[in-house]
Each structure stands twice: as structure tokens, then as C-alpha cells.
């Protein structure tokens, strides 16, 4: 799913942010040295913003930061231990 489709599927109050970590996240996924902020879920997908990589805030443009994966893929990756869900907290990004 591309950014335009994510925007069409998003809740009314959703907006694309200039920098990572400025949105409200339902929860975070951590693993593989990265953090993803889950923005919302549709009936089929988990829509997220890529927040960090190797402990550093990513410097990607929105078209690369905002992604969606099928729910079944996310569930499989979590059950296999690749990603670990955790609560979204104000310290989701390193200072």
C-alpha cells in the first residue's frame, strides 16, 4: 500500500507528519534494530510509520516512512519473534 492509499484508508484525523515521531500511535513494534509506530489498522492491514533504525531516528521522506503490511504478515512476524509489540509511549524515539 502506497502513501496515497494509506491516506484514503486512514481515520479522518490522520495527517502525514514532516518528521518521525510526531503522530499518535496505537502501539509500537520493535525488532531487527528498528521501531515502527502503528498508526491504525484496517480490516486487512496494519498501517505504520517507520521511526528508528539501529537506534537512530530515520531521515526518510514520508513516502518511504509510511507503510502497510497485511495483518497476517504482522501476526506471523510477531509470533516468530521478529517483532515485539509494546505500548506507544512518549519516549518511542531516542532523544
C-alpha atoms as a PDB file:
ATOM      1  CA  UNK A   1       0.000   0.000   0.000  1.00  0.00           C
ATOM      2  CA  UNK A   2       1.418   3.374  -1.047  1.00  0.00           C
ATOM      3  CA  UNK A   3       1.124   6.607   0.950  1.00  0.00           C
ATOM      4  CA  UNK A   4      -1.855   7.851  -1.082  1.00  0.00           C
ATOM      5  CA  UNK A   5      -3.798   4.667  -0.322  1.00  0.00           C
ATOM      6  CA  UNK A   6      -2.863   4.866   3.370  1.00  0.00           C
ATOM      7  CA  UNK A   7      -4.240   8.423   3.441  1.00  0.00           C
ATOM      8  CA  UNK A   8      -7.500   7.255   1.813  1.00  0.00           C
ATOM      9  CA  UNK A   9      -7.898   4.400   4.323  1.00  0.00           C
ATOM     10  CA  UNK A  10      -6.908   6.489   7.360  1.00  0.00           C
ATOM     11  CA  UNK A  11      -9.202   7.867  10.048  1.00  0.00           C
ATOM     12  CA  UNK A  12     -10.430  11.425   9.470  1.00  0.00           C
ATOM     13  CA  UNK A  13      -7.981  12.934  11.979  1.00  0.00           C
ATOM     14  CA  UNK A  14      -4.899  11.357  10.347  1.00  0.00           C
ATOM     15  CA  UNK A  15      -2.278  13.566   8.732  1.00  0.00           C
ATOM     16  CA  UNK A  16       1.181  12.898   7.332  1.00  0.00           C
ATOM     17  CA  UNK A  17       3.914  14.391   9.526  1.00  0.00           C
ATOM     18  CA  UNK A  18       7.138  16.002   8.364  1.00  0.00           C
ATOM     19  CA  UNK A  19       9.304  14.046  10.818  1.00  0.00           C
ATOM     20  CA  UNK A  20       9.025  10.656  12.524  1.00  0.00           C
ATOM     21  CA  UNK A  21       7.506  10.560  15.991  1.00  0.00           C
ATOM     22  CA  UNK A  22       5.030  13.412  15.606  1.00  0.00           C
ATOM     23  CA  UNK A  23       1.939  11.211  15.236  1.00  0.00           C
ATOM     24  CA  UNK A  24      -0.218   9.404  17.797  1.00  0.00           C
ATOM     25  CA  UNK A  25       0.496   5.678  17.744  1.00  0.00           C
ATOM     26  CA  UNK A  26      -1.771   2.840  18.852  1.00  0.00           C
ATOM     27  CA  UNK A  27       1.288   0.791  19.778  1.00  0.00           C
ATOM     28  CA  UNK A  28       4.848   0.210  18.614  1.00  0.00           C
ATOM     29  CA  UNK A  29       6.573  -2.778  17.067  1.00  0.00           C
ATOM     30  CA  UNK A  30      10.241  -3.243  17.925  1.00  0.00           C
ATOM     31  CA  UNK A  31      12.701  -5.654  16.400  1.00  0.00           C
ATOM     32  CA  UNK A  32      15.517  -6.032  13.926  1.00  0.00           C
ATOM     33  CA  UNK A  33      17.079  -2.879  15.424  1.00  0.00           C
ATOM     34  CA  UNK A  34      14.068  -0.821  14.352  1.00  0.00           C
ATOM     35  CA  UNK A  35      10.904   0.705  15.771  1.00  0.00           C
ATOM     36  CA  UNK A  36       7.612   1.081  13.925  1.00  0.00           C
ATOM     37  CA  UNK A  37       4.768   3.254  15.197  1.00  0.00           C
ATOM     38  CA  UNK A  38       1.415   1.659  14.343  1.00  0.00           C
ATOM     39  CA  UNK A  39      -0.963   4.429  13.304  1.00  0.00           C
ATOM     40  CA  UNK A  40      -4.141   2.456  12.605  1.00  0.00           C
ATOM     41  CA  UNK A  41      -5.405  -0.848  11.295  1.00  0.00           C
ATOM     42  CA  UNK A  42      -7.848  -1.562   8.501  1.00  0.00           C
ATOM     43  CA  UNK A  43      -9.715  -4.836   8.150  1.00  0.00           C
ATOM     44  CA  UNK A  44      -6.762  -6.241   6.196  1.00  0.00           C
ATOM     45  CA  UNK A  45      -3.657  -4.155   7.002  1.00  0.00           C
ATOM     46  CA  UNK A  46      -1.550  -2.659   9.762  1.00  0.00           C
ATOM     47  CA  UNK A  47      -0.526   0.881   8.782  1.00  0.00           C
ATOM     48  CA  UNK A  48       2.617   2.227  10.418  1.00  0.00           C
ATOM     49  CA  UNK A  49       5.353   4.819  10.332  1.00  0.00           C
ATOM     50  CA  UNK A  50       8.985   3.685  10.348  1.00  0.00           C
ATOM     51  CA  UNK A  51      10.500   5.529  13.335  1.00  0.00           C
ATOM     52  CA  UNK A  52      14.020   4.293  14.029  1.00  0.00           C
ATOM     53  CA  UNK A  53      16.714   2.129  12.528  1.00  0.00           C
ATOM     54  CA  UNK A  54      19.746   0.976  14.530  1.00  0.00           C
ATOM     55  CA  UNK A  55      18.573   3.218  17.395  1.00  0.00           C
ATOM     56  CA  UNK A  56      18.570   6.379  15.279  1.00  0.00           C
ATOM     57  CA  UNK A  57      15.566   8.332  14.050  1.00  0.00           C
ATOM     58  CA  UNK A  58      15.126   7.690  10.337  1.00  0.00           C
ATOM     59  CA  UNK A  59      15.579  10.524   7.884  1.00  0.00           C
ATOM     60  CA  UNK A  60      13.294   9.131   5.171  1.00  0.00           C
ATOM     61  CA  UNK A  61      10.707  11.142   3.304  1.00  0.00           C
ATOM     62  CA  UNK A  62       7.070  10.291   4.098  1.00  0.00           C
ATOM     63  CA  UNK A  63       6.651   8.087   1.002  1.00  0.00           C
ATOM     64  CA  UNK A  64       9.260   5.740   2.491  1.00  0.00           C
ATOM     65  CA  UNK A  65       8.315   6.044   6.189  1.00  0.00           C
ATOM     66  CA  UNK A  66       4.592   5.307   5.895  1.00  0.00           C
ATOM     67  CA  UNK A  67       3.868   1.667   5.077  1.00  0.00           C
ATOM     68  CA  UNK A  68       1.225  -1.000   5.456  1.00  0.00           C
ATOM     69  CA  UNK A  69       1.641  -4.728   5.831  1.00  0.00           C
ATOM     70  CA  UNK A  70      -1.089  -7.365   5.730  1.00  0.00           C
ATOM     71  CA  UNK A  71      -2.325  -8.252   9.233  1.00  0.00           C
ATOM     72  CA  UNK A  72      -1.480 -11.910   8.668  1.00  0.00           C
ATOM     73  CA  UNK A  73       2.139 -10.971   7.893  1.00  0.00           C
ATOM     74  CA  UNK A  74       2.427  -8.847  11.045  1.00  0.00           C
ATOM     75  CA  UNK A  75       0.872 -11.637  13.135  1.00  0.00           C
ATOM     76  CA  UNK A  76       3.338 -14.168  11.713  1.00  0.00           C
ATOM     77  CA  UNK A  77       6.358 -11.916  12.313  1.00  0.00           C
ATOM     78  CA  UNK A  78       5.243 -11.269  15.896  1.00  0.00           C
ATOM     79  CA  UNK A  79       4.608 -14.969  16.589  1.00  0.00           C
ATOM     80  CA  UNK A  80       8.024 -15.866  15.140  1.00  0.00           C
ATOM     81  CA  UNK A  81       9.694 -13.294  17.408  1.00  0.00           C
ATOM     82  CA  UNK A  82      10.886 -10.906  14.694  1.00  0.00           C
ATOM     83  CA  UNK A  83       8.802  -8.021  16.059  1.00  0.00           C
ATOM     84  CA  UNK A  84       7.585  -7.367  19.589  1.00  0.00           C
ATOM     85  CA  UNK A  85       4.536  -5.186  20.229  1.00  0.00           C
ATOM     86  CA  UNK A  86       4.809  -2.694  23.066  1.00  0.00           C
ATOM     87  CA  UNK A  87       2.767   0.252  24.269  1.00  0.00           C
ATOM     88  CA  UNK A  88       3.277   3.561  22.497  1.00  0.00           C
ATOM     89  CA  UNK A  89       4.991   5.884  24.938  1.00  0.00           C
ATOM     90  CA  UNK A  90       6.309   9.442  24.674  1.00  0.00           C
ATOM     91  CA  UNK A  91       9.846   8.011  24.599  1.00  0.00           C
ATOM     92  CA  UNK A  92       9.203   5.914  21.475  1.00  0.00           C
ATOM     93  CA  UNK A  93      12.015   7.831  19.797  1.00  0.00           C
ATOM     94  CA  UNK A  94      15.520   8.346  21.135  1.00  0.00           C
ATOM     95  CA  UNK A  95      16.304  11.893  22.273  1.00  0.00           C
END
